[in-house]
Protein backbone atom coordinates (compact mmCIF):
# COMPACT_ATOMS: atom_id res chain seq x y z
CA MET A 1 138.16 41.41 110.26
CA PRO A 2 136.98 38.70 107.83
CA GLU A 3 133.29 38.03 107.59
CA LYS A 4 132.06 34.64 108.78
CA THR A 5 130.46 32.52 106.11
CA ILE A 6 127.25 30.96 107.34
CA SER A 7 126.03 28.07 105.26
CA LYS A 8 122.49 26.86 105.39
CA THR A 9 121.89 23.29 106.49
CA THR A 10 119.13 20.78 106.03
CA ARG A 11 118.22 17.56 107.79
CA MET A 12 118.58 14.24 106.00
CA SER A 13 117.01 11.01 107.14
CA ILE A 14 117.91 7.53 105.90
CA ASP A 15 116.79 4.06 106.92
CA ILE A 16 119.57 1.62 107.79
CA SER A 17 119.65 -1.60 109.76
CA VAL A 18 120.10 -1.45 113.51
CA LYS A 19 123.28 -3.49 113.11
CA ASP A 20 124.78 -1.01 110.63
CA HIS A 21 123.74 1.96 112.79
CA LYS A 22 125.50 0.47 115.81
CA ARG A 23 128.58 -0.33 113.74
CA ILE A 24 128.77 3.24 112.39
CA LYS A 25 128.36 4.68 115.90
CA VAL A 26 131.22 2.49 117.19
CA LEU A 27 133.48 3.49 114.29
CA ALA A 28 132.69 7.19 114.79
CA SER A 29 133.38 6.92 118.50
CA ALA A 30 136.68 5.13 117.87
CA GLU A 31 137.71 8.05 115.64
CA GLY A 32 136.61 10.57 118.29
CA MET A 33 134.05 11.99 115.88
CA THR A 34 130.37 12.76 115.99
CA LEU A 35 128.17 10.46 113.95
CA LYS A 36 127.42 13.34 111.57
CA ASP A 37 131.09 14.21 111.05
CA PHE A 38 132.01 10.55 110.56
CA VAL A 39 129.36 10.00 107.88
CA ILE A 40 130.26 13.23 106.09
CA ASP A 41 133.94 12.29 106.24
CA CYS A 42 133.12 8.90 104.69
CA ILE A 43 131.21 10.43 101.77
CA ARG A 44 133.27 13.62 101.34
CA GLU A 45 135.18 12.27 98.34
CA LYS A 46 131.92 11.49 96.56
CA ILE A 47 130.29 14.85 97.22
CA HIS A 48 133.51 16.88 96.82
CA PRO A 49 135.69 14.97 94.34
CA GLU A 50 138.65 17.34 94.69
CA LYS A 51 141.30 16.16 97.14
CA GLN A 52 140.57 17.09 100.75
CA PRO A 53 142.35 16.00 103.92
CA ASN A 54 140.49 13.58 106.20
CA ALA A 55 139.43 14.46 109.75
CA LYS A 56 142.64 13.25 111.40
CA THR A 57 144.79 15.23 108.98
CA ARG A 58 142.64 18.37 109.43
CA GLN A 59 142.99 18.02 113.21
CA ALA A 60 146.77 17.58 112.94
CA MET A 61 146.98 20.66 110.71
CA SER A 62 144.90 22.67 113.17
CA ASP A 63 147.03 21.51 116.11
CA ALA A 64 150.22 22.41 114.24
CA ARG A 65 148.92 25.91 113.47
CA LYS A 66 148.19 26.36 117.18
CA GLY A 67 151.68 25.19 118.14
CA LYS A 68 150.41 21.93 119.64
CA THR A 69 153.29 19.85 118.35
CA THR A 70 155.58 17.22 119.81
CA LYS A 71 159.27 17.94 119.77
CA ALA A 72 161.81 15.13 119.92
CA LYS A 73 165.57 15.18 120.46
CA ASN A 74 166.09 12.42 117.91
CA ILE A 75 164.27 9.57 116.17
CA ALA A 76 164.58 7.27 119.19
CA ASP A 77 163.02 9.94 121.41
CA LEU A 78 160.20 10.43 118.88
CA TYR A 79 159.48 6.69 118.77
CA GLU A 80 159.41 6.58 122.56
CA GLN A 81 156.99 9.51 122.74
CA LEU A 82 154.75 7.86 120.14
CA GLY A 83 154.91 4.52 121.94
CA ILE A 84 156.36 2.63 118.98
C-alpha cells in the first residue's frame, strides 16, 4: 500500500479591497470551488510553471477514472445530453 504524502501548510494573509474579495468569492462559487482552491488555481501557473490541468480538467479526469462518464449513441444524442 502506497504511503500518503503529507505536506506541511502555512497560513497566508493579504489585504484586498472589499469589492475584489466579493468578486473573487462569486467567481469561486460559480466554479464550484472553495475560495482557497480558486485562488491557488489562479496562481498555479506562476508558482508551478510546468503545465498542469486546471480544476475542471482535474475533476473530469477524476470522474473518468471512476467511470463517471456520459455515453451517447451518436453526436446528436451527445449534444442533446449536453444541452447544446
